[in-house]
Amino acid sequence: MAKTIMIQGTMSNAGKSLLAAGLCRIFHQDGYRTAPFKSQNMALNSFITEEGLEMGRAQVMQAEAAGIKPSVLMNPILLKPTNDLGSQVIVNGEVLGTMSARDYFKYKKQLVPDVMKAFQKLSDEYDIIVIEGAGSPAEINLKEEDIVNMGMAKMAKAPVLLVGDIDRGGVFAQLVGTVELLEEDEKAMIKGLIINKFRGDKTILDPGVRMLEEKTGIPVVGVAPYLQIQVEDEDSLTERFDRNQEIGRIDIAVVRLPRISNFTDFNPLESIPGVSLRYVKNVKELGNPDMIILPGTKNTMDDLKWMRETGMEAAILKEAAKGRLIFGICGGYQMLGETLSDPFSVEAGGSMKGMGLIPMDTVFAKDKTRTRVSGTFLKMEGDWEPFTGAELLGYEIHMGDSVLKDGARNFTIVRDSVSGEEKEEGACWRNVCGTYVHGVFDCEDASKAMIRVLGKKKGIDVEEMSGVDFAAFKETQYDLLAAGLREHLDMKQIYEILEEGV
């Protein structure tokens, strides 16, 4: 039976996912078989396991930090918002259906057996389970049916570390207020407080730390600094979207769609020195990039409508006509075609005109394609020639198929890791390319090929700008994260909390 510890936060984006990943790495380094767990995750960044099952990327990142393969046991419930009022509900990696927020709130208690079955299986296999909460445990309107914060802590009998975000201000009010809104038995489960994202001289903070401990009766087990670590973000609260940066030798603009998903696809490119990768949400921010990327989206048709209404589509069409390189992934790839049809009302229903940049028609299907793939890029000509023969690894997660016509060529040949079948997919047409494969740049071969494509188009020498082995790069980042937390958290006290439990 595993020992457990849970990270809860005073709010969303307080740093729970990162701290949980850091603890997973530390426990792994110290010789413990460690696994992450989050009973219910709401995010559009998802991942497909080797078994073809879908889970949130935050737990994938934490599993990597723990040195183990991701499993849907680590995230039995995933909610993928389809609009402002409802989400697609995924249980044990399979789509259960789409529910309104109100309907899901009434239904979720029925999923407790699924949550506990997954947790128990992990508990039987590992020494330590690091559990992550969601949002805040003090959402008093949601506490009655809670299965992800204090409700989960009680079910798992897990001591809790409560994290506050000092970078957003009011950290003492965050922590004290959260504790005060809890029931007495819930307060007793909080064994330590963490102040996260601190910048500056910690000695200035010390009087506040002492007062915090006096007011709550709970020890502060660490003041974690604002760590400059490049790991994958859980959802659209990422700071990547609003980051100001200088334009690099190679400049890439990613359209920040309202329902953007799996923007982790682009982390390998932004990890290459000399590359600036910017997320743009309006025409003014577009600037003069070397390439424009249309990313994945949970609602292709609605986000294409948004592009039309904001003038972003017109701007991209104008750039494409000038020879600008355009690249689409998944939903962004579907937008590039001539038509999109939704006969089963998977999204909005009906049909609409695409951007017309690739001679291709897309029809949405009832069933979701979920699989991991490996393969190579086909023989390319013109701008995309450097991709020829490059290796790729990734996964497909989409509802619909795209059929090429009028001479458009496939982009890759991939093997389905679940069925073993091979197929050609993606498309290239002049200066526009697209693929259904998420993680397409994770292989060093593929990221290097993209840099060579952009350098060749721009007429600059990019031979010294190598690609990135993203798996190896992430390993260095997890080690940096663990080192930073070891320095600033009282790991001796955290181990004592872990041993004592609740």
Protein backbone atom coordinates (compact mmCIF):
# COMPACT_ATOMS: atom_id res chain seq x y z
CA MET A 1 0.00 0.00 0.00
CA ALA A 2 1.55 3.30 -1.11
CA LYS A 3 2.09 6.30 1.09
CA THR A 4 0.32 9.40 -0.21
CA ILE A 5 0.77 13.14 -0.21
CA MET A 6 -1.49 15.69 -1.89
CA ILE A 7 -0.79 19.11 -3.38
CA GLN A 8 -3.73 21.51 -3.24
CA GLY A 9 -3.75 25.18 -4.21
CA THR A 10 -5.46 28.38 -3.21
CA MET A 11 -6.46 28.92 -6.86
CA SER A 12 -5.91 27.64 -10.36
CA ASN A 13 -2.36 28.11 -11.65
CA ALA A 14 -0.87 28.39 -8.16
CA GLY A 15 1.76 25.90 -9.27
CA LYS A 16 0.26 22.58 -8.14
CA SER A 17 1.21 20.66 -11.29
CA LEU A 18 4.82 21.83 -11.22
CA LEU A 19 5.29 21.16 -7.51
CA ALA A 20 3.71 17.72 -7.85
CA ALA A 21 6.10 16.98 -10.74
CA GLY A 22 9.03 18.20 -8.65
CA LEU A 23 8.09 15.94 -5.74
CA CYS A 24 7.67 13.02 -8.16
CA ARG A 25 11.22 13.64 -9.40
CA ILE A 26 12.67 13.97 -5.91
CA PHE A 27 11.04 10.78 -4.64
CA HIS A 28 12.17 9.00 -7.84
CA GLN A 29 15.73 10.25 -7.34
CA ASP A 30 15.61 9.03 -3.74
CA GLY A 31 14.80 5.50 -4.91
CA TYR A 32 11.03 5.33 -4.42
CA ARG A 33 8.63 3.96 -7.03
CA THR A 34 6.45 7.04 -7.44
CA ALA A 35 3.32 7.79 -9.46
CA PRO A 36 1.21 10.95 -9.93
CA PHE A 37 -2.56 11.00 -9.59
CA LYS A 38 -5.31 13.51 -10.33
CA SER A 39 -8.84 12.18 -10.07
CA GLN A 40 -10.39 14.84 -12.31
CA ASN A 41 -8.55 17.10 -14.70
CA MET A 42 -10.07 19.85 -16.85
CA ALA A 43 -7.79 20.69 -19.75
CA LEU A 44 -7.58 20.73 -23.52
CA ASN A 45 -3.98 19.50 -23.50
CA SER A 46 -4.36 15.74 -23.66
CA PHE A 47 -2.24 12.73 -24.53
CA ILE A 48 -2.76 9.26 -25.98
CA THR A 49 -1.18 6.31 -24.18
CA GLU A 50 0.33 3.25 -25.84
CA GLU A 51 -3.03 1.54 -25.36
CA GLY A 52 -4.83 4.27 -27.31
CA LEU A 53 -6.43 5.86 -24.23
CA GLU A 54 -6.70 9.59 -23.51
CA MET A 55 -5.48 11.43 -20.42
CA GLY A 56 -4.39 14.91 -19.33
CA ARG A 57 -0.86 16.01 -20.20
CA ALA A 58 -0.14 17.31 -16.67
CA GLN A 59 -0.08 13.76 -15.35
CA VAL A 60 1.99 12.68 -18.37
CA MET A 61 4.55 15.32 -17.45
CA GLN A 62 4.52 14.18 -13.81
CA ALA A 63 4.90 10.53 -14.86
CA GLU A 64 7.94 11.47 -16.95
CA ALA A 65 9.37 13.26 -13.91
CA ALA A 66 8.80 10.07 -11.91
CA GLY A 67 10.58 8.01 -14.56
CA ILE A 68 7.54 5.88 -15.48
CA LYS A 69 5.21 5.41 -18.43
CA PRO A 70 1.96 7.43 -18.40
CA SER A 71 -1.23 5.50 -17.62
CA VAL A 72 -4.88 6.54 -17.56
CA LEU A 73 -4.90 5.25 -13.99
CA MET A 74 -3.13 8.51 -13.15
CA ASN A 75 -6.02 10.61 -14.50
CA PRO A 76 -9.27 8.58 -14.55
CA ILE A 77 -11.50 11.59 -15.37
CA LEU A 78 -10.63 14.19 -18.01
CA LEU A 79 -12.98 17.05 -18.88
CA LYS A 80 -12.38 18.80 -22.21
CA PRO A 81 -14.47 21.99 -22.47
CA THR A 82 -16.39 22.20 -25.74
CA ASN A 83 -17.96 25.58 -24.95
CA ASP A 84 -18.51 27.87 -21.95
CA LEU A 85 -21.20 25.62 -20.47
CA GLY A 86 -20.21 22.03 -21.19
CA SER A 87 -17.41 19.52 -21.63
CA GLN A 88 -16.62 16.22 -23.23
CA VAL A 89 -16.30 13.74 -20.35
CA ILE A 90 -13.57 11.11 -20.69
CA VAL A 91 -13.49 8.26 -18.14
CA ASN A 92 -10.63 5.75 -18.01
CA GLY A 93 -9.40 7.09 -21.33
CA GLU A 94 -12.69 6.59 -23.21
CA VAL A 95 -15.29 9.20 -24.19
CA LEU A 96 -18.36 8.89 -21.95
CA GLY A 97 -20.22 11.75 -23.64
CA THR A 98 -20.71 15.51 -23.56
CA MET A 99 -22.40 17.06 -20.52
CA SER A 100 -23.37 20.50 -19.38
CA ALA A 101 -21.64 21.71 -16.23
CA ARG A 102 -24.85 21.27 -14.25
CA ASP A 103 -25.45 17.73 -15.50
CA TYR A 104 -21.87 16.71 -14.77
CA PHE A 105 -22.07 18.18 -11.26
CA LYS A 106 -25.06 15.93 -10.58
CA TYR A 107 -23.43 12.90 -12.20
CA LYS A 108 -19.84 12.94 -10.98
CA LYS A 109 -20.45 11.11 -7.68
CA GLN A 110 -21.25 8.07 -9.81
CA LEU A 111 -17.63 8.13 -10.97
CA VAL A 112 -16.18 7.68 -7.47
CA PRO A 113 -15.81 3.89 -7.97
CA ASP A 114 -13.79 4.55 -11.15
CA VAL A 115 -11.60 7.04 -9.30
CA MET A 116 -10.94 4.72 -6.37
CA LYS A 117 -10.34 1.68 -8.58
CA ALA A 118 -7.65 3.60 -10.48
CA PHE A 119 -6.13 4.97 -7.28
CA GLN A 120 -6.07 1.54 -5.63
CA LYS A 121 -4.32 -0.04 -8.61
CA LEU A 122 -1.59 2.60 -8.45
CA SER A 123 -1.37 2.23 -4.69
CA ASP A 124 -0.75 -1.50 -5.07
CA GLU A 125 2.07 -0.93 -7.59
CA TYR A 126 3.98 2.05 -6.18
CA ASP A 127 5.64 3.22 -2.96
CA ILE A 128 4.42 6.84 -3.09
CA ILE A 129 1.45 8.49 -4.81
CA VAL A 130 1.65 12.26 -5.33
CA ILE A 131 -1.92 13.51 -5.71
CA GLU A 132 -2.78 16.85 -7.33
CA GLY A 133 -5.95 18.78 -6.56
CA ALA A 134 -7.80 21.16 -8.88
CA GLY A 135 -8.54 24.84 -8.44
CA SER A 136 -9.16 25.51 -4.76
CA PRO A 137 -10.55 23.30 -1.95
CA ALA A 138 -12.42 26.36 -0.66
CA GLU A 139 -14.92 26.56 -3.54
CA ILE A 140 -17.77 26.30 -1.05
CA ASN A 141 -20.45 25.91 -3.75
CA LEU A 142 -18.70 22.77 -5.04
CA LYS A 143 -17.56 21.14 -1.80
CA GLU A 144 -20.61 18.94 -1.29
CA GLU A 145 -19.88 16.77 -4.33
CA ASP A 146 -16.09 17.18 -4.33
CA ILE A 147 -14.04 14.31 -5.73
CA VAL A 148 -10.81 16.14 -6.56
CA ASN A 149 -9.75 18.23 -3.53
CA MET A 150 -10.60 17.48 0.10
CA GLY A 151 -13.04 14.80 -1.02
CA MET A 152 -10.16 13.01 -2.73
CA ALA A 153 -7.80 13.63 0.21
CA LYS A 154 -10.29 11.91 2.52
CA MET A 155 -10.80 8.97 0.18
CA ALA A 156 -7.04 8.50 -0.20
CA LYS A 157 -6.26 9.38 3.45
CA ALA A 158 -3.65 11.80 2.13
CA PRO A 159 -1.96 14.60 4.09
CA VAL A 160 -2.19 17.90 2.20
CA LEU A 161 0.34 20.58 1.32
CA LEU A 162 -1.50 23.82 0.49
CA VAL A 163 0.19 26.08 -2.09
CA GLY A 164 -0.30 29.84 -2.48
CA ASP A 165 0.90 31.99 -5.40
CA ILE A 166 2.76 35.06 -4.15
CA ASP A 167 3.44 36.29 -7.70
CA ARG A 168 -0.26 37.13 -8.15
CA GLY A 169 -0.40 38.99 -4.83
CA GLY A 170 -2.24 38.48 -1.55
CA VAL A 171 -0.61 35.17 -0.72
CA PHE A 172 -1.24 35.48 3.03
CA ALA A 173 -4.93 36.17 2.46
CA GLN A 174 -5.01 33.29 -0.03
CA LEU A 175 -3.63 30.79 2.46
CA VAL A 176 -5.38 32.00 5.62
CA GLY A 177 -8.68 32.50 3.81
CA THR A 178 -8.55 29.04 2.24
CA VAL A 179 -7.83 27.39 5.59
CA GLU A 180 -10.62 29.34 7.32
CA LEU A 181 -13.21 28.26 4.74
CA LEU A 182 -12.55 24.59 5.38
CA GLU A 183 -14.31 22.33 7.84
CA GLU A 184 -12.40 21.39 10.99
CA ASP A 185 -11.64 17.86 9.79
CA GLU A 186 -10.38 19.31 6.49
CA LYS A 187 -8.14 21.84 8.24
CA ALA A 188 -6.60 18.98 10.20
CA MET A 189 -5.57 17.34 6.92
CA ILE A 190 -3.41 20.31 5.89
CA LYS A 191 0.03 19.47 7.25
CA GLY A 192 2.09 22.13 5.51
CA LEU A 193 1.90 25.42 3.61
CA ILE A 194 4.03 26.41 0.62
CA ILE A 195 4.50 29.93 -0.72
CA ASN A 196 5.21 29.58 -4.43
CA LYS A 197 6.73 31.76 -7.19
CA PHE A 198 8.66 34.06 -4.83
CA ARG A 199 11.10 36.61 -6.24
CA GLY A 200 13.52 38.60 -4.12
CA ASP A 201 15.08 38.48 -0.66
CA LYS A 202 13.37 35.81 1.46
CA THR A 203 14.42 37.45 4.74
CA ILE A 204 11.94 40.24 4.00
CA LEU A 205 9.22 37.59 3.89
CA ASP A 206 10.18 35.88 7.17
CA PRO A 207 7.96 37.99 9.50
CA GLY A 208 4.95 37.21 7.31
CA VAL A 209 5.81 33.52 7.36
CA ARG A 210 5.87 33.53 11.17
CA MET A 211 2.51 35.33 11.33
CA LEU A 212 1.08 32.88 8.79
CA GLU A 213 2.10 29.95 10.97
CA GLU A 214 0.65 31.64 14.07
CA LYS A 215 -2.70 32.38 12.42
CA THR A 216 -3.18 28.97 10.85
CA GLY A 217 -1.29 26.72 13.26
CA ILE A 218 0.22 25.03 10.20
CA PRO A 219 3.96 25.05 9.43
CA VAL A 220 5.32 26.65 6.27
CA VAL A 221 7.40 23.90 4.68
CA GLY A 222 8.93 26.04 1.99
CA VAL A 223 9.12 29.25 -0.01
CA ALA A 224 9.66 28.13 -3.59
CA PRO A 225 11.22 30.64 -5.98
CA TYR A 226 9.96 31.51 -9.43
CA LEU A 227 11.80 28.73 -11.25
CA GLN A 228 12.73 29.24 -14.91
CA ILE A 229 11.92 25.66 -15.87
CA GLN A 230 10.63 24.64 -19.28
CA VAL A 231 8.09 21.88 -18.72
CA GLU A 232 4.70 21.32 -20.26
CA ASP A 233 1.78 23.47 -19.11
CA GLU A 234 -1.53 21.97 -18.09
CA ASP A 235 -3.94 24.33 -19.82
CA SER A 236 -4.66 27.76 -21.26
CA LEU A 237 -3.61 29.54 -18.05
CA THR A 238 -0.03 29.12 -19.26
CA GLU A 239 2.21 32.18 -19.11
CA ARG A 240 3.56 31.24 -22.54
CA PHE A 241 0.65 33.03 -24.18
CA ASP A 242 1.53 36.43 -22.76
CA ARG A 243 5.30 36.22 -22.73
CA ASN A 244 7.17 39.13 -24.33
CA GLN A 245 10.27 38.11 -26.23
CA GLU A 246 12.65 39.41 -28.81
CA ILE A 247 12.21 38.27 -32.40
CA GLY A 248 14.75 35.52 -33.13
CA ARG A 249 16.62 34.62 -36.28
CA ILE A 250 13.68 32.33 -36.95
CA ASP A 251 10.27 33.73 -35.94
CA ILE A 252 7.17 31.55 -35.67
CA ALA A 253 3.66 32.83 -34.92
CA VAL A 254 1.08 30.41 -33.46
CA VAL A 255 -2.52 31.59 -33.69
CA ARG A 256 -4.00 31.62 -30.18
CA LEU A 257 -7.40 30.15 -30.97
CA PRO A 258 -10.13 30.55 -28.31
CA ARG A 259 -10.27 26.76 -27.79
CA ILE A 260 -6.60 26.04 -28.46
CA SER A 261 -5.54 22.53 -27.48
CA ASN A 262 -2.25 20.66 -27.24
CA PHE A 263 -0.12 23.76 -27.60
CA THR A 264 2.58 21.58 -26.03
CA ASP A 265 3.22 20.52 -29.65
CA PHE A 266 5.36 23.63 -30.05
CA ASN A 267 7.52 23.40 -26.92
CA PRO A 268 10.35 21.66 -28.84
CA LEU A 269 10.58 24.54 -31.33
CA GLU A 270 10.68 27.24 -28.66
CA SER A 271 13.45 25.30 -26.90
CA ILE A 272 15.82 25.88 -29.85
CA PRO A 273 18.20 28.86 -29.35
CA GLY A 274 17.61 31.52 -31.99
CA VAL A 275 13.91 30.65 -32.44
CA SER A 276 11.14 32.95 -31.21
CA LEU A 277 7.75 31.27 -30.95
CA ARG A 278 4.92 33.73 -30.28
CA TYR A 279 1.22 33.14 -29.56
CA VAL A 280 -0.84 35.78 -31.35
CA LYS A 281 -4.52 36.52 -30.78
CA ASN A 282 -5.12 39.36 -33.24
CA VAL A 283 -3.91 40.65 -36.60
CA LYS A 284 -1.87 43.43 -35.00
CA GLU A 285 0.26 40.92 -33.11
CA LEU A 286 0.90 38.76 -36.19
CA GLY A 287 3.79 40.87 -37.42
CA ASN A 288 6.10 39.43 -40.05
CA PRO A 289 6.82 35.82 -39.00
CA ASP A 290 8.70 33.23 -41.03
CA MET A 291 5.86 30.79 -40.52
CA ILE A 292 2.29 30.85 -39.21
CA ILE A 293 0.97 27.81 -37.35
CA LEU A 294 -2.67 26.94 -36.83
CA PRO A 295 -2.74 24.71 -33.72
CA GLY A 296 -5.16 22.09 -32.49
CA THR A 297 -8.57 23.13 -31.18
CA LYS A 298 -11.46 21.45 -29.38
CA ASN A 299 -13.92 23.14 -31.76
CA THR A 300 -12.59 23.56 -35.28
CA MET A 301 -15.67 25.15 -36.82
CA ASP A 302 -16.30 27.71 -34.07
CA ASP A 303 -12.65 28.71 -33.97
CA LEU A 304 -12.60 29.11 -37.76
CA LYS A 305 -15.62 31.40 -37.39
CA TRP A 306 -13.66 33.37 -34.79
CA MET A 307 -10.78 33.72 -37.25
CA ARG A 308 -13.20 35.09 -39.85
CA GLU A 309 -14.83 37.53 -37.45
CA THR A 310 -11.51 38.89 -36.17
CA GLY A 311 -9.87 39.26 -39.57
CA MET A 312 -7.21 36.69 -38.72
CA GLU A 313 -8.24 34.39 -41.57
CA ALA A 314 -8.00 37.21 -44.12
CA ALA A 315 -4.56 38.16 -42.81
CA ILE A 316 -3.32 34.57 -43.06
CA LEU A 317 -4.72 34.17 -46.58
CA LYS A 318 -2.92 37.35 -47.58
CA GLU A 319 0.35 36.04 -46.14
CA ALA A 320 -0.11 32.65 -47.80
CA ALA A 321 -0.64 34.38 -51.16
CA LYS A 322 2.74 36.07 -50.67
CA GLY A 323 4.41 32.69 -50.15
CA ARG A 324 4.50 32.70 -46.36
CA LEU A 325 4.81 29.19 -44.93
CA ILE A 326 1.61 28.00 -43.23
CA PHE A 327 1.46 24.88 -41.05
CA GLY A 328 -1.59 23.28 -39.40
CA ILE A 329 -1.92 20.57 -36.78
CA CYS A 330 -5.12 18.59 -36.15
CA GLY A 331 -7.99 21.13 -35.98
CA GLY A 332 -5.71 23.75 -37.52
CA TYR A 333 -4.97 21.32 -40.35
CA GLN A 334 -8.70 20.75 -40.91
CA MET A 335 -9.27 24.50 -41.24
CA LEU A 336 -6.80 24.67 -44.14
CA GLY A 337 -9.04 22.59 -46.43
CA GLU A 338 -11.88 23.61 -48.72
CA THR A 339 -14.86 22.30 -46.75
CA LEU A 340 -15.74 21.07 -43.26
CA SER A 341 -18.86 18.94 -42.80
CA ASP A 342 -20.42 17.86 -39.49
CA PRO A 343 -23.30 15.49 -40.36
CA PHE A 344 -23.51 14.02 -36.82
CA SER A 345 -23.34 17.38 -34.95
CA VAL A 346 -20.03 16.48 -33.34
CA GLU A 347 -19.41 20.23 -33.16
CA ALA A 348 -21.95 22.76 -34.41
CA GLY A 349 -23.48 20.60 -37.13
CA GLY A 350 -23.93 21.48 -40.80
CA SER A 351 -21.06 22.44 -43.06
CA MET A 352 -18.89 25.46 -43.76
CA LYS A 353 -16.24 26.65 -46.14
CA GLY A 354 -12.65 26.12 -45.10
CA MET A 355 -9.71 28.45 -45.76
CA GLY A 356 -9.09 26.85 -49.15
CA LEU A 357 -5.32 26.62 -48.76
CA ILE A 358 -5.21 22.86 -49.35
CA PRO A 359 -7.48 21.00 -51.81
CA MET A 360 -9.06 18.81 -49.16
CA ASP A 361 -12.46 18.06 -47.62
CA THR A 362 -12.99 17.11 -43.98
CA VAL A 363 -15.99 15.22 -42.58
CA PHE A 364 -16.38 14.91 -38.80
CA ALA A 365 -17.17 11.41 -37.51
CA LYS A 366 -19.00 10.07 -34.47
CA ASP A 367 -16.00 8.17 -33.12
CA LYS A 368 -12.77 9.74 -31.95
CA THR A 369 -9.47 8.60 -33.45
CA ARG A 370 -7.07 7.91 -30.58
CA THR A 371 -3.73 6.29 -31.28
CA ARG A 372 0.03 6.67 -31.03
CA VAL A 373 2.01 6.66 -34.26
CA SER A 374 5.58 6.50 -35.50
CA GLY A 375 6.87 6.98 -39.00
CA THR A 376 8.70 9.21 -41.44
CA PHE A 377 8.03 12.18 -43.64
CA LEU A 378 7.49 11.34 -47.29
CA LYS A 379 9.64 12.67 -50.13
CA MET A 380 8.98 16.40 -50.30
CA GLU A 381 9.84 19.02 -52.89
CA GLY A 382 10.20 22.79 -52.87
CA ASP A 383 10.01 24.58 -49.52
CA TRP A 384 9.39 21.39 -47.56
CA GLU A 385 12.19 19.27 -49.09
CA PRO A 386 14.28 19.16 -45.84
CA PHE A 387 11.55 17.07 -44.20
CA THR A 388 12.16 14.17 -46.61
CA GLY A 389 12.89 10.99 -44.66
CA ALA A 390 12.90 12.63 -41.22
CA GLU A 391 11.57 10.47 -38.39
CA LEU A 392 8.55 11.33 -36.28
CA LEU A 393 6.74 10.11 -33.18
CA GLY A 394 3.43 11.36 -31.87
CA TYR A 395 -0.25 10.66 -31.47
CA GLU A 396 -3.54 11.32 -33.20
CA ILE A 397 -6.60 12.54 -31.35
CA HIS A 398 -9.38 13.87 -33.57
CA MET A 399 -12.93 13.32 -34.72
CA GLY A 400 -13.01 13.29 -38.49
CA ASP A 401 -11.13 12.38 -41.65
CA SER A 402 -9.69 14.55 -44.39
CA VAL A 403 -9.66 13.50 -48.03
CA LEU A 404 -7.13 15.08 -50.42
CA LYS A 405 -7.91 15.98 -54.01
CA ASP A 406 -6.60 17.87 -57.08
CA GLY A 407 -2.99 16.79 -56.67
CA ALA A 408 -2.43 17.51 -52.99
CA ARG A 409 0.15 15.11 -51.57
CA ASN A 410 0.32 13.33 -48.24
CA PHE A 411 2.99 14.54 -45.81
CA THR A 412 3.89 11.49 -43.69
CA ILE A 413 3.63 7.72 -43.56
CA VAL A 414 2.88 6.46 -40.06
CA ARG A 415 2.33 3.15 -38.29
CA ASP A 416 -0.50 2.85 -35.76
CA SER A 417 1.03 1.54 -32.50
CA VAL A 418 -2.29 0.00 -31.46
CA SER A 419 -3.37 -1.77 -34.67
CA GLY A 420 0.01 -1.97 -36.42
CA GLU A 421 -1.53 -0.61 -39.64
CA GLU A 422 0.36 1.81 -41.86
CA LYS A 423 -1.16 4.78 -43.63
CA GLU A 424 -0.23 7.99 -45.37
CA GLU A 425 -1.60 11.13 -43.72
CA GLY A 426 -1.28 14.90 -43.65
CA ALA A 427 -1.01 17.09 -46.72
CA CYS A 428 1.30 19.46 -48.56
CA TRP A 429 0.20 21.96 -51.18
CA ARG A 430 2.73 24.55 -52.29
CA ASN A 431 3.69 26.62 -49.22
CA VAL A 432 1.04 25.06 -46.95
CA CYS A 433 1.34 21.83 -44.95
CA GLY A 434 -0.64 20.09 -42.26
CA THR A 435 -0.83 16.91 -40.19
CA TYR A 436 -3.04 15.17 -37.66
CA VAL A 437 0.00 14.11 -35.61
CA HIS A 438 0.43 15.85 -32.25
CA GLY A 439 3.99 15.90 -30.93
CA VAL A 440 5.21 15.98 -34.51
CA PHE A 441 8.28 18.07 -33.54
CA ASP A 442 9.30 16.04 -30.49
CA CYS A 443 11.86 14.02 -32.49
CA GLU A 444 15.12 15.87 -33.08
CA ASP A 445 14.92 14.83 -36.74
CA ALA A 446 11.61 16.64 -37.21
CA SER A 447 12.45 19.84 -35.31
CA LYS A 448 15.76 20.10 -37.16
CA ALA A 449 13.97 19.62 -40.48
CA MET A 450 11.57 22.45 -39.67
CA ILE A 451 14.45 24.80 -38.82
CA ARG A 452 16.15 23.89 -42.11
CA VAL A 453 12.89 24.55 -43.99
CA LEU A 454 12.59 28.00 -42.43
CA GLY A 455 16.27 28.84 -42.90
CA LYS A 456 16.16 27.81 -46.55
CA LYS A 457 13.03 29.90 -47.14
CA LYS A 458 14.57 32.90 -45.40
CA GLY A 459 17.93 32.47 -47.11
CA ILE A 460 20.00 32.20 -43.93
CA ASP A 461 22.46 29.59 -42.70
CA VAL A 462 20.90 27.63 -39.85
CA GLU A 463 23.33 24.71 -39.67
CA GLU A 464 24.46 25.77 -36.19
CA MET A 465 20.80 25.86 -35.07
CA SER A 466 20.37 22.18 -34.36
CA GLY A 467 17.10 20.46 -33.60
CA VAL A 468 16.32 19.34 -30.07
CA ASP A 469 16.02 15.86 -28.58
CA PHE A 470 12.98 16.91 -26.60
CA ALA A 471 12.83 13.83 -24.39
CA ALA A 472 16.44 14.39 -23.28
CA PHE A 473 15.80 18.12 -22.86
CA LYS A 474 12.84 17.45 -20.58
CA GLU A 475 14.95 15.16 -18.41
CA THR A 476 17.35 18.03 -17.73
CA GLN A 477 14.44 20.28 -16.82
CA TYR A 478 12.98 17.76 -14.34
CA ASP A 479 16.40 17.51 -12.67
CA LEU A 480 16.63 21.31 -12.44
CA LEU A 481 13.13 21.41 -10.96
CA ALA A 482 14.02 18.82 -8.32
CA ALA A 483 17.24 20.63 -7.44
CA GLY A 484 15.40 23.93 -7.05
CA LEU A 485 12.76 22.42 -4.78
CA ARG A 486 15.30 20.53 -2.66
CA GLU A 487 17.01 23.85 -1.98
CA HIS A 488 13.88 25.75 -0.98
CA LEU A 489 11.52 23.16 0.52
CA ASP A 490 12.04 21.42 3.85
CA MET A 491 12.20 17.93 2.42
CA LYS A 492 12.95 16.42 5.84
CA GLN A 493 9.66 17.80 7.12
CA ILE A 494 7.81 16.74 3.94
CA TYR A 495 9.10 13.18 4.37
CA GLU A 496 7.88 13.26 7.99
CA ILE A 497 4.44 14.39 6.79
CA LEU A 498 4.48 11.58 4.23
CA GLU A 499 5.35 9.00 6.90
CA GLU A 500 2.85 10.21 9.48
CA GLY A 501 -0.08 10.48 7.05
CA VAL A 502 -3.39 11.68 8.51
